[in-house]
Amino acid sequence: GERLTSKYLKFTPPQWMQRYDWLVGYDHDMTINLQKLPQFLEEQEDRPLLMLKWYWRDCKGDAFQCMMWEMNDMLTKRPEYVRSSRRNIQHWKELMISLHRARGAFRPPHYYESCIIARNLKHDNAEIVTKAFGEIYNMTHDIQRDQFLLPYYFWRHGVSAQLEALELWELHEQLDMCSVPTRRKRN
């Protein structure tokens, strides 16, 4: 349906877009100053991907705890956001906990909001990001919330440390990013 179509465009854009230097996408309820965008992207050209760092709770530098907190919160207090994939999210959470406790542990450097994504399509690691995003898209058939998937697939593909996780204030300051009220509900 509609949710998977938007995820498809977000994570696996049409091939013809590959001819551009950057691919920037943001949610329908976000706005940025497009006149400031070229300079902003030029300053970030050494990064394969720019994302917004999750900002809803201070996890004192422990991104894994942010991810666990949000999974628990959606599973218990906001079930409408995970209704169609509740069981799969519970299983995913258990898998992430196992990986976190294992040798060579899964310790993501950041937890992300996926409401704004800027992909550097000319970066040496652009193809790795494309592969990670393809796997993320495939998993969104089973897990509604893509932010639960991002840290793992970036870690799995070895690009976590190369990504730039921007603070909300940085995007406000550099791109005048803000939310705009809409009547549409989250999917």
N, C-alpha and C. Protein backbone atom coordinates (compact mmCIF):
# COMPACT_ATOMS: atom_id res chain seq x y z
N GLY A 1 0.79 -1.18 0.00
CA GLY A 1 0.00 0.00 0.00
C GLY A 1 0.84 1.26 0.00
N GLU A 2 0.22 2.28 0.47
CA GLU A 2 0.82 3.62 0.50
C GLU A 2 2.13 3.67 1.30
N ARG A 3 2.16 2.99 2.46
CA ARG A 3 3.36 3.01 3.30
C ARG A 3 4.55 2.40 2.57
N LEU A 4 4.36 1.26 1.92
CA LEU A 4 5.47 0.62 1.22
C LEU A 4 5.89 1.40 -0.02
N THR A 5 4.96 2.06 -0.68
CA THR A 5 5.33 2.89 -1.83
C THR A 5 6.23 4.03 -1.39
N SER A 6 5.89 4.70 -0.29
CA SER A 6 6.74 5.79 0.19
C SER A 6 8.09 5.27 0.66
N LYS A 7 8.12 4.09 1.27
CA LYS A 7 9.40 3.49 1.69
C LYS A 7 10.24 3.11 0.47
N TYR A 8 9.59 2.63 -0.57
CA TYR A 8 10.30 2.26 -1.79
C TYR A 8 11.01 3.48 -2.38
N LEU A 9 10.30 4.58 -2.48
CA LEU A 9 10.91 5.79 -3.03
C LEU A 9 11.99 6.35 -2.11
N LYS A 10 11.79 6.21 -0.83
CA LYS A 10 12.76 6.72 0.16
C LYS A 10 14.07 5.94 0.10
N PHE A 11 13.98 4.62 0.00
CA PHE A 11 15.17 3.79 0.12
C PHE A 11 15.69 3.22 -1.20
N THR A 12 14.86 3.14 -2.21
CA THR A 12 15.32 2.60 -3.50
C THR A 12 14.81 3.50 -4.63
N PRO A 13 15.34 4.70 -4.72
CA PRO A 13 14.85 5.64 -5.73
C PRO A 13 15.15 5.14 -7.15
N PRO A 14 14.45 5.69 -8.14
CA PRO A 14 14.66 5.27 -9.52
C PRO A 14 16.12 5.43 -9.96
N GLN A 15 16.55 4.53 -10.81
CA GLN A 15 17.93 4.48 -11.28
C GLN A 15 18.37 5.78 -11.96
N TRP A 16 17.46 6.45 -12.67
CA TRP A 16 17.84 7.68 -13.37
C TRP A 16 18.32 8.77 -12.42
N MET A 17 17.97 8.70 -11.15
CA MET A 17 18.41 9.71 -10.18
C MET A 17 19.90 9.58 -9.86
N GLN A 18 20.49 8.45 -10.21
CA GLN A 18 21.91 8.21 -9.91
C GLN A 18 22.84 9.18 -10.66
N ARG A 19 22.34 9.87 -11.65
CA ARG A 19 23.20 10.80 -12.39
C ARG A 19 23.46 12.10 -11.62
N TYR A 20 22.74 12.31 -10.54
CA TYR A 20 22.91 13.52 -9.73
C TYR A 20 23.98 13.29 -8.67
N ASP A 21 24.49 14.37 -8.11
CA ASP A 21 25.49 14.28 -7.05
C ASP A 21 24.87 13.88 -5.71
N TRP A 22 23.75 14.47 -5.38
CA TRP A 22 23.08 14.22 -4.11
C TRP A 22 21.61 13.90 -4.35
N LEU A 23 21.07 13.11 -3.47
CA LEU A 23 19.65 12.83 -3.45
C LEU A 23 19.16 13.18 -2.04
N VAL A 24 18.28 14.16 -1.96
CA VAL A 24 17.79 14.63 -0.67
C VAL A 24 16.29 14.38 -0.61
N GLY A 25 15.86 13.73 0.45
CA GLY A 25 14.44 13.49 0.65
C GLY A 25 14.05 13.84 2.06
N TYR A 26 12.85 14.34 2.20
CA TYR A 26 12.36 14.65 3.54
C TYR A 26 10.85 14.45 3.57
N ASP A 27 10.33 14.21 4.76
CA ASP A 27 8.93 13.89 4.94
C ASP A 27 8.02 15.04 4.54
N HIS A 28 6.77 14.69 4.27
CA HIS A 28 5.79 15.67 3.81
C HIS A 28 5.52 16.78 4.81
N ASP A 29 5.83 16.57 6.07
CA ASP A 29 5.57 17.59 7.07
C ASP A 29 6.83 18.35 7.50
N MET A 30 7.87 18.28 6.67
CA MET A 30 9.13 19.00 6.93
C MET A 30 9.35 20.01 5.82
N THR A 31 10.07 21.05 6.15
CA THR A 31 10.46 22.02 5.13
C THR A 31 11.91 22.44 5.39
N ILE A 32 12.63 22.71 4.30
CA ILE A 32 13.99 23.22 4.39
C ILE A 32 14.14 24.37 3.41
N ASN A 33 15.13 25.21 3.63
CA ASN A 33 15.43 26.32 2.73
C ASN A 33 16.30 25.76 1.60
N LEU A 34 15.70 25.58 0.45
CA LEU A 34 16.42 24.98 -0.68
C LEU A 34 17.54 25.86 -1.21
N GLN A 35 17.48 27.15 -0.97
CA GLN A 35 18.57 28.03 -1.40
C GLN A 35 19.84 27.79 -0.61
N LYS A 36 19.70 27.33 0.61
CA LYS A 36 20.87 27.05 1.46
C LYS A 36 21.43 25.64 1.24
N LEU A 37 20.66 24.80 0.56
CA LEU A 37 21.03 23.39 0.42
C LEU A 37 22.34 23.15 -0.34
N PRO A 38 22.61 23.79 -1.48
CA PRO A 38 23.87 23.51 -2.20
C PRO A 38 25.13 23.75 -1.36
N GLN A 39 25.18 24.85 -0.66
CA GLN A 39 26.34 25.16 0.19
C GLN A 39 26.47 24.14 1.32
N PHE A 40 25.36 23.79 1.92
CA PHE A 40 25.34 22.81 3.00
C PHE A 40 25.89 21.47 2.51
N LEU A 41 25.43 21.01 1.36
CA LEU A 41 25.88 19.72 0.82
C LEU A 41 27.35 19.78 0.40
N GLU A 42 27.78 20.89 -0.12
CA GLU A 42 29.19 21.03 -0.50
C GLU A 42 30.09 20.86 0.71
N GLU A 43 29.66 21.36 1.84
CA GLU A 43 30.45 21.25 3.08
C GLU A 43 30.47 19.82 3.63
N GLN A 44 29.57 18.97 3.14
CA GLN A 44 29.46 17.60 3.62
C GLN A 44 29.90 16.57 2.59
N GLU A 45 30.58 16.99 1.53
CA GLU A 45 30.87 16.08 0.42
C GLU A 45 31.74 14.89 0.78
N ASP A 46 32.39 14.92 1.94
CA ASP A 46 33.21 13.78 2.37
C ASP A 46 32.38 12.67 3.03
N ARG A 47 31.08 12.88 3.18
CA ARG A 47 30.19 11.90 3.81
C ARG A 47 29.31 11.22 2.77
N PRO A 48 29.09 9.90 2.91
CA PRO A 48 28.21 9.23 1.96
C PRO A 48 26.73 9.44 2.25
N LEU A 49 26.43 9.83 3.50
CA LEU A 49 25.04 9.94 3.91
C LEU A 49 24.92 10.90 5.09
N LEU A 50 23.89 11.73 5.04
CA LEU A 50 23.59 12.64 6.14
C LEU A 50 22.19 12.30 6.65
N MET A 51 22.08 12.20 7.96
CA MET A 51 20.78 11.92 8.56
C MET A 51 20.61 12.75 9.82
N LEU A 52 19.40 12.86 10.25
CA LEU A 52 19.09 13.56 11.49
C LEU A 52 19.27 12.60 12.66
N LYS A 53 20.03 13.04 13.65
CA LYS A 53 20.21 12.25 14.87
C LYS A 53 18.89 12.28 15.66
N TRP A 54 18.52 11.13 16.20
CA TRP A 54 17.30 11.01 16.98
C TRP A 54 17.37 11.97 18.15
N TYR A 55 16.32 12.72 18.40
CA TYR A 55 16.38 13.80 19.38
C TYR A 55 15.28 13.74 20.45
N TRP A 56 14.54 12.69 20.51
CA TRP A 56 13.38 12.65 21.40
C TRP A 56 13.72 12.39 22.86
N ARG A 57 14.92 11.88 23.10
CA ARG A 57 15.31 11.54 24.46
C ARG A 57 16.83 11.58 24.54
N ASP A 58 17.35 12.02 25.68
CA ASP A 58 18.80 12.03 25.88
C ASP A 58 19.22 10.66 26.38
N CYS A 59 19.96 9.95 25.53
CA CYS A 59 20.41 8.62 25.90
C CYS A 59 21.88 8.62 26.28
N LYS A 60 22.39 9.77 26.58
CA LYS A 60 23.77 9.93 27.09
C LYS A 60 24.79 9.20 26.22
N GLY A 61 24.67 9.38 24.91
CA GLY A 61 25.65 8.81 24.00
C GLY A 61 25.48 7.33 23.70
N ASP A 62 24.45 6.70 24.21
CA ASP A 62 24.23 5.27 23.97
C ASP A 62 23.06 5.10 22.99
N ALA A 63 23.38 5.06 21.70
CA ALA A 63 22.36 4.97 20.66
C ALA A 63 21.53 3.70 20.77
N PHE A 64 22.16 2.63 21.22
CA PHE A 64 21.42 1.38 21.38
C PHE A 64 20.28 1.56 22.38
N GLN A 65 20.55 2.27 23.46
CA GLN A 65 19.51 2.51 24.46
C GLN A 65 18.39 3.37 23.90
N CYS A 66 18.72 4.32 23.04
CA CYS A 66 17.68 5.12 22.38
C CYS A 66 16.78 4.22 21.55
N MET A 67 17.39 3.32 20.80
CA MET A 67 16.63 2.42 19.94
C MET A 67 15.73 1.51 20.79
N MET A 68 16.27 0.96 21.87
CA MET A 68 15.48 0.10 22.75
C MET A 68 14.33 0.87 23.40
N TRP A 69 14.63 2.09 23.83
CA TRP A 69 13.59 2.90 24.46
C TRP A 69 12.44 3.15 23.49
N GLU A 70 12.78 3.52 22.23
CA GLU A 70 11.71 3.81 21.28
C GLU A 70 10.93 2.55 20.91
N MET A 71 11.61 1.43 20.75
CA MET A 71 10.89 0.18 20.47
C MET A 71 9.92 -0.13 21.60
N ASN A 72 10.41 -0.06 22.84
CA ASN A 72 9.55 -0.34 23.99
C ASN A 72 8.38 0.63 24.06
N ASP A 73 8.67 1.90 23.81
CA ASP A 73 7.63 2.92 23.88
C ASP A 73 6.54 2.67 22.83
N MET A 74 6.95 2.34 21.62
CA MET A 74 5.94 2.08 20.58
C MET A 74 5.19 0.77 20.83
N LEU A 75 5.88 -0.20 21.35
CA LEU A 75 5.21 -1.47 21.63
C LEU A 75 4.21 -1.36 22.78
N THR A 76 4.48 -0.46 23.74
CA THR A 76 3.61 -0.38 24.92
C THR A 76 2.72 0.85 24.96
N LYS A 77 3.24 2.02 24.57
CA LYS A 77 2.48 3.27 24.73
C LYS A 77 1.95 3.85 23.43
N ARG A 78 2.51 3.45 22.31
CA ARG A 78 2.06 3.97 21.01
C ARG A 78 1.84 2.80 20.03
N PRO A 79 1.02 1.84 20.40
CA PRO A 79 0.88 0.64 19.57
C PRO A 79 0.31 0.91 18.18
N GLU A 80 -0.37 2.04 18.00
CA GLU A 80 -0.92 2.35 16.68
C GLU A 80 0.18 2.53 15.62
N TYR A 81 1.40 2.84 16.04
CA TYR A 81 2.51 3.02 15.11
C TYR A 81 3.12 1.69 14.65
N VAL A 82 2.82 0.63 15.35
CA VAL A 82 3.43 -0.66 15.02
C VAL A 82 2.39 -1.79 14.92
N ARG A 83 1.16 -1.42 14.78
CA ARG A 83 0.06 -2.39 14.81
C ARG A 83 0.26 -3.56 13.85
N SER A 84 0.64 -3.26 12.61
CA SER A 84 0.72 -4.34 11.62
C SER A 84 1.99 -5.17 11.71
N SER A 85 2.95 -4.76 12.55
CA SER A 85 4.20 -5.52 12.62
C SER A 85 4.67 -5.75 14.06
N ARG A 86 3.76 -5.69 14.98
CA ARG A 86 4.10 -5.82 16.41
C ARG A 86 4.95 -7.06 16.72
N ARG A 87 4.50 -8.20 16.28
CA ARG A 87 5.22 -9.45 16.56
C ARG A 87 6.62 -9.42 15.94
N ASN A 88 6.73 -8.92 14.72
CA ASN A 88 8.04 -8.85 14.06
C ASN A 88 8.97 -7.88 14.77
N ILE A 89 8.43 -6.80 15.27
CA ILE A 89 9.26 -5.83 16.01
C ILE A 89 9.75 -6.45 17.32
N GLN A 90 8.89 -7.19 18.00
CA GLN A 90 9.33 -7.87 19.22
C GLN A 90 10.48 -8.83 18.92
N HIS A 91 10.36 -9.57 17.83
CA HIS A 91 11.42 -10.50 17.43
C HIS A 91 12.69 -9.71 17.06
N TRP A 92 12.55 -8.62 16.31
CA TRP A 92 13.69 -7.78 15.93
C TRP A 92 14.40 -7.23 17.17
N LYS A 93 13.62 -6.80 18.13
CA LYS A 93 14.19 -6.28 19.38
C LYS A 93 15.03 -7.35 20.07
N GLU A 94 14.52 -8.55 20.16
CA GLU A 94 15.27 -9.65 20.78
C GLU A 94 16.56 -9.94 20.01
N LEU A 95 16.49 -9.90 18.69
CA LEU A 95 17.68 -10.12 17.86
C LEU A 95 18.71 -9.02 18.10
N MET A 96 18.27 -7.76 18.18
CA MET A 96 19.20 -6.65 18.42
C MET A 96 19.85 -6.77 19.79
N ILE A 97 19.10 -7.19 20.78
CA ILE A 97 19.66 -7.38 22.13
C ILE A 97 20.72 -8.48 22.09
N SER A 98 20.44 -9.57 21.39
CA SER A 98 21.43 -10.66 21.27
C SER A 98 22.70 -10.18 20.59
N LEU A 99 22.55 -9.43 19.52
CA LEU A 99 23.73 -8.90 18.82
C LEU A 99 24.50 -7.91 19.69
N HIS A 100 23.79 -7.16 20.48
CA HIS A 100 24.42 -6.17 21.36
C HIS A 100 25.26 -6.86 22.44
N ARG A 101 24.80 -8.01 22.89
CA ARG A 101 25.51 -8.74 23.95
C ARG A 101 26.62 -9.64 23.42
N ALA A 102 26.62 -9.91 22.14
CA ALA A 102 27.55 -10.86 21.54
C ALA A 102 28.96 -10.28 21.41
N ARG A 103 29.92 -11.18 21.17
CA ARG A 103 31.29 -10.77 20.87
C ARG A 103 31.26 -10.00 19.55
N GLY A 104 32.06 -8.95 19.44
CA GLY A 104 31.99 -8.09 18.25
C GLY A 104 30.66 -7.36 18.23
N ALA A 105 30.26 -6.95 19.41
CA ALA A 105 28.91 -6.48 19.66
C ALA A 105 28.45 -5.33 18.75
N PHE A 106 27.16 -5.37 18.50
CA PHE A 106 26.46 -4.33 17.77
C PHE A 106 26.31 -3.13 18.69
N ARG A 107 27.08 -2.08 18.41
CA ARG A 107 27.04 -0.85 19.19
C ARG A 107 26.95 0.33 18.22
N PRO A 108 25.74 0.66 17.79
CA PRO A 108 25.61 1.74 16.81
C PRO A 108 26.05 3.07 17.38
N PRO A 109 26.76 3.88 16.59
CA PRO A 109 27.20 5.18 17.10
C PRO A 109 26.05 6.19 17.21
N HIS A 110 24.97 5.97 16.44
CA HIS A 110 23.84 6.89 16.46
C HIS A 110 22.54 6.14 16.25
N TYR A 111 21.49 6.75 16.72
CA TYR A 111 20.13 6.33 16.37
C TYR A 111 19.57 7.48 15.55
N TYR A 112 18.80 7.19 14.53
CA TYR A 112 18.45 8.20 13.54
C TYR A 112 16.95 8.42 13.43
N GLU A 113 16.61 9.62 13.05
CA GLU A 113 15.29 9.95 12.53
C GLU A 113 15.41 9.82 11.03
N SER A 114 14.43 9.27 10.39
CA SER A 114 14.54 9.13 8.93
C SER A 114 13.65 10.12 8.19
N CYS A 115 13.31 11.22 8.86
CA CYS A 115 12.46 12.23 8.23
C CYS A 115 13.22 13.08 7.22
N ILE A 116 14.55 13.06 7.28
CA ILE A 116 15.36 13.75 6.28
C ILE A 116 16.60 12.89 6.02
N ILE A 117 16.86 12.66 4.74
CA ILE A 117 17.99 11.83 4.33
C ILE A 117 18.65 12.50 3.13
N ALA A 118 19.96 12.68 3.22
CA ALA A 118 20.72 13.23 2.08
C ALA A 118 21.80 12.21 1.72
N ARG A 119 21.70 11.68 0.51
CA ARG A 119 22.65 10.66 0.04
C ARG A 119 23.61 11.27 -0.96
N ASN A 120 24.88 11.10 -0.71
CA ASN A 120 25.92 11.56 -1.62
C ASN A 120 26.15 10.45 -2.65
N LEU A 121 25.56 10.61 -3.81
CA LEU A 121 25.59 9.56 -4.83
C LEU A 121 26.93 9.43 -5.54
N LYS A 122 27.83 10.38 -5.32
CA LYS A 122 29.16 10.33 -5.95
C LYS A 122 30.26 9.90 -4.97
N HIS A 123 29.88 9.61 -3.74
CA HIS A 123 30.85 9.18 -2.72
C HIS A 123 31.34 7.77 -3.04
N ASP A 124 32.57 7.48 -2.65
CA ASP A 124 33.14 6.14 -2.88
C ASP A 124 32.29 5.02 -2.28
N ASN A 125 31.58 5.31 -1.20
CA ASN A 125 30.76 4.29 -0.54
C ASN A 125 29.27 4.41 -0.86
N ALA A 126 28.94 5.13 -1.92
CA ALA A 126 27.52 5.29 -2.29
C ALA A 126 26.87 3.95 -2.58
N GLU A 127 27.60 3.05 -3.21
CA GLU A 127 27.02 1.74 -3.55
C GLU A 127 26.73 0.91 -2.28
N ILE A 128 27.58 1.06 -1.28
CA ILE A 128 27.35 0.34 -0.02
C ILE A 128 26.08 0.88 0.66
N VAL A 129 25.93 2.19 0.65
CA VAL A 129 24.72 2.80 1.21
C VAL A 129 23.50 2.32 0.44
N THR A 130 23.61 2.25 -0.87
CA THR A 130 22.50 1.76 -1.70
C THR A 130 22.12 0.33 -1.32
N LYS A 131 23.12 -0.52 -1.11
CA LYS A 131 22.84 -1.91 -0.70
C LYS A 131 22.16 -1.94 0.67
N ALA A 132 22.67 -1.15 1.61
CA ALA A 132 22.06 -1.11 2.95
C ALA A 132 20.61 -0.64 2.85
N PHE A 133 20.38 0.40 2.07
CA PHE A 133 19.01 0.91 1.92
C PHE A 133 18.10 -0.11 1.24
N GLY A 134 18.63 -0.86 0.30
CA GLY A 134 17.83 -1.91 -0.34
C GLY A 134 17.38 -2.95 0.67
N GLU A 135 18.29 -3.34 1.55
CA GLU A 135 17.94 -4.32 2.59
C GLU A 135 16.96 -3.73 3.60
N ILE A 136 17.14 -2.45 3.92
CA ILE A 136 16.20 -1.79 4.82
C ILE A 136 14.81 -1.78 4.20
N TYR A 137 14.74 -1.41 2.93
CA TYR A 137 13.43 -1.41 2.26
C TYR A 137 12.80 -2.81 2.31
N ASN A 138 13.57 -3.84 2.01
CA ASN A 138 13.02 -5.20 2.04
C ASN A 138 12.46 -5.54 3.42
N MET A 139 13.14 -5.09 4.46
CA MET A 139 12.67 -5.38 5.82
C MET A 139 11.44 -4.56 6.21
N THR A 140 11.21 -3.43 5.54
CA THR A 140 10.02 -2.63 5.88
C THR A 140 8.72 -3.34 5.50
N HIS A 141 8.82 -4.43 4.75
CA HIS A 141 7.63 -5.25 4.49
C HIS A 141 7.19 -5.96 5.78
N ASP A 142 8.15 -6.20 6.66
CA ASP A 142 7.89 -6.94 7.90
C ASP A 142 7.89 -6.06 9.15
N ILE A 143 8.59 -4.94 9.10
CA ILE A 143 8.71 -4.05 10.25
C ILE A 143 8.32 -2.64 9.80
N GLN A 144 7.28 -2.11 10.41
CA GLN A 144 6.73 -0.82 10.00
C GLN A 144 7.71 0.34 10.16
N ARG A 145 8.43 0.41 11.22
CA ARG A 145 9.24 1.58 11.55
C ARG A 145 10.66 1.40 11.03
N ASP A 146 11.01 2.13 9.99
CA ASP A 146 12.34 1.97 9.39
C ASP A 146 13.47 2.42 10.32
N GLN A 147 13.19 3.32 11.26
CA GLN A 147 14.26 3.78 12.15
C GLN A 147 14.79 2.65 13.04
N PHE A 148 13.99 1.60 13.24
CA PHE A 148 14.47 0.44 14.00
C PHE A 148 15.50 -0.36 13.20
N LEU A 149 15.49 -0.21 11.90
CA LEU A 149 16.35 -0.99 11.00
C LEU A 149 17.65 -0.29 10.64
N LEU A 150 17.63 1.02 10.58
CA LEU A 150 18.78 1.79 10.09
C LEU A 150 20.10 1.47 10.80
N PRO A 151 20.16 1.53 12.14
CA PRO A 151 21.46 1.30 12.80
C PRO A 151 22.07 -0.06 12.48
N TYR A 152 21.22 -1.09 12.45
CA TYR A 152 21.74 -2.43 12.19
C TYR A 152 22.31 -2.54 10.78
N TYR A 153 21.59 -2.11 9.77
CA TYR A 153 22.06 -2.27 8.40
C TYR A 153 23.25 -1.38 8.08
N PHE A 154 23.33 -0.22 8.70
CA PHE A 154 24.54 0.60 8.53
C PHE A 154 25.74 -0.10 9.17
N TRP A 155 25.53 -0.68 10.34
CA TRP A 155 26.58 -1.43 11.03
C TRP A 155 26.98 -2.66 10.22
N ARG A 156 26.00 -3.40 9.75
CA ARG A 156 26.26 -4.62 8.98
C ARG A 156 27.09 -4.34 7.74
N HIS A 157 26.86 -3.21 7.10
CA HIS A 157 27.59 -2.86 5.88
C HIS A 157 28.84 -2.03 6.15
N GLY A 158 29.14 -1.79 7.42
CA GLY A 158 30.38 -1.11 7.78
C GLY A 158 30.45 0.37 7.45
N VAL A 159 29.32 1.04 7.38
CA VAL A 159 29.35 2.46 7.05
C VAL A 159 28.91 3.36 8.21
N SER A 160 28.61 2.81 9.35
CA SER A 160 28.12 3.61 10.49
C SER A 160 29.03 4.78 10.82
N ALA A 161 30.32 4.53 10.87
CA ALA A 161 31.26 5.59 11.28
C ALA A 161 31.42 6.68 10.24
N GLN A 162 31.07 6.40 9.01
CA GLN A 162 31.24 7.39 7.94
C GLN A 162 30.03 8.30 7.78
N LEU A 163 28.92 7.92 8.34
CA LEU A 163 27.70 8.71 8.21
C LEU A 163 27.75 9.92 9.11
N GLU A 164 27.08 10.95 8.71
CA GLU A 164 26.99 12.14 9.55
C GLU A 164 25.60 12.17 10.17
N ALA A 165 25.55 12.15 11.48
CA ALA A 165 24.29 12.27 12.21
C ALA A 165 24.21 13.70 12.72
N LEU A 166 23.37 14.48 12.08
CA LEU A 166 23.27 15.89 12.40
C LEU A 166 22.26 16.13 13.51
N GLU A 167 22.61 17.05 14.37
CA GLU A 167 21.71 17.44 15.46
C GLU A 167 20.57 18.28 14.88
N LEU A 168 19.44 18.25 15.55
CA LEU A 168 18.29 19.03 15.10
C LEU A 168 18.63 20.51 14.98
N TRP A 169 19.34 21.04 15.96
CA TRP A 169 19.69 22.47 15.92
C TRP A 169 20.56 22.81 14.72
N GLU A 170 21.41 21.87 14.29
CA GLU A 170 22.26 22.12 13.12
C GLU A 170 21.41 22.28 11.86
N LEU A 171 20.41 21.44 11.72
CA LEU A 171 19.54 21.54 10.54
C LEU A 171 18.65 22.77 10.60
N HIS A 172 18.24 23.15 11.81
CA HIS A 172 17.50 24.41 11.97
C HIS A 172 18.37 25.58 11.54
N GLU A 173 19.59 25.58 12.05
CA GLU A 173 20.50 26.70 11.81
C GLU A 173 20.99 26.76 10.35
N GLN A 174 21.36 25.64 9.79
CA GLN A 174 21.98 25.63 8.47
C GLN A 174 20.98 25.55 7.31
N LEU A 175 19.82 24.94 7.54
CA LEU A 175 18.85 24.77 6.45
C LEU A 175 17.46 25.33 6.77
N ASP A 176 17.32 25.98 7.92
CA ASP A 176 16.01 26.48 8.35
C ASP A 176 14.97 25.37 8.38
N MET A 177 15.40 24.15 8.69
CA MET A 177 14.48 23.02 8.72
C MET A 177 13.45 23.20 9.83
N CYS A 178 12.21 22.89 9.51
CA CYS A 178 11.17 22.92 10.53
C CYS A 178 10.03 22.01 10.12
N SER A 179 9.19 21.71 11.09
CA SER A 179 7.99 20.93 10.84
C SER A 179 6.86 21.86 10.44
N VAL A 180 6.00 21.38 9.59
CA VAL A 180 4.80 22.14 9.22
C VAL A 180 3.60 21.27 9.54
N PRO A 181 2.59 21.84 10.16
CA PRO A 181 1.43 21.02 10.52
C PRO A 181 0.68 20.53 9.28
N THR A 182 0.25 19.29 9.35
CA THR A 182 -0.56 18.71 8.28
C THR A 182 -1.74 17.99 8.91
N ARG A 183 -2.67 17.63 8.09
CA ARG A 183 -3.82 16.85 8.58
C ARG A 183 -3.58 15.37 8.43
N ARG A 184 -2.50 15.00 7.73
CA ARG A 184 -2.22 13.58 7.50
C ARG A 184 -1.66 12.91 8.74
N LYS A 185 -2.09 11.72 8.97
CA LYS A 185 -1.57 10.93 10.09
C LYS A 185 -0.36 10.15 9.61
N ARG A 186 0.47 9.75 10.56
CA ARG A 186 1.63 8.89 10.24
C ARG A 186 1.16 7.55 9.72
N ASN A 187 1.97 6.97 8.85
CA ASN A 187 1.62 5.64 8.38
C ASN A 187 2.55 4.62 8.97
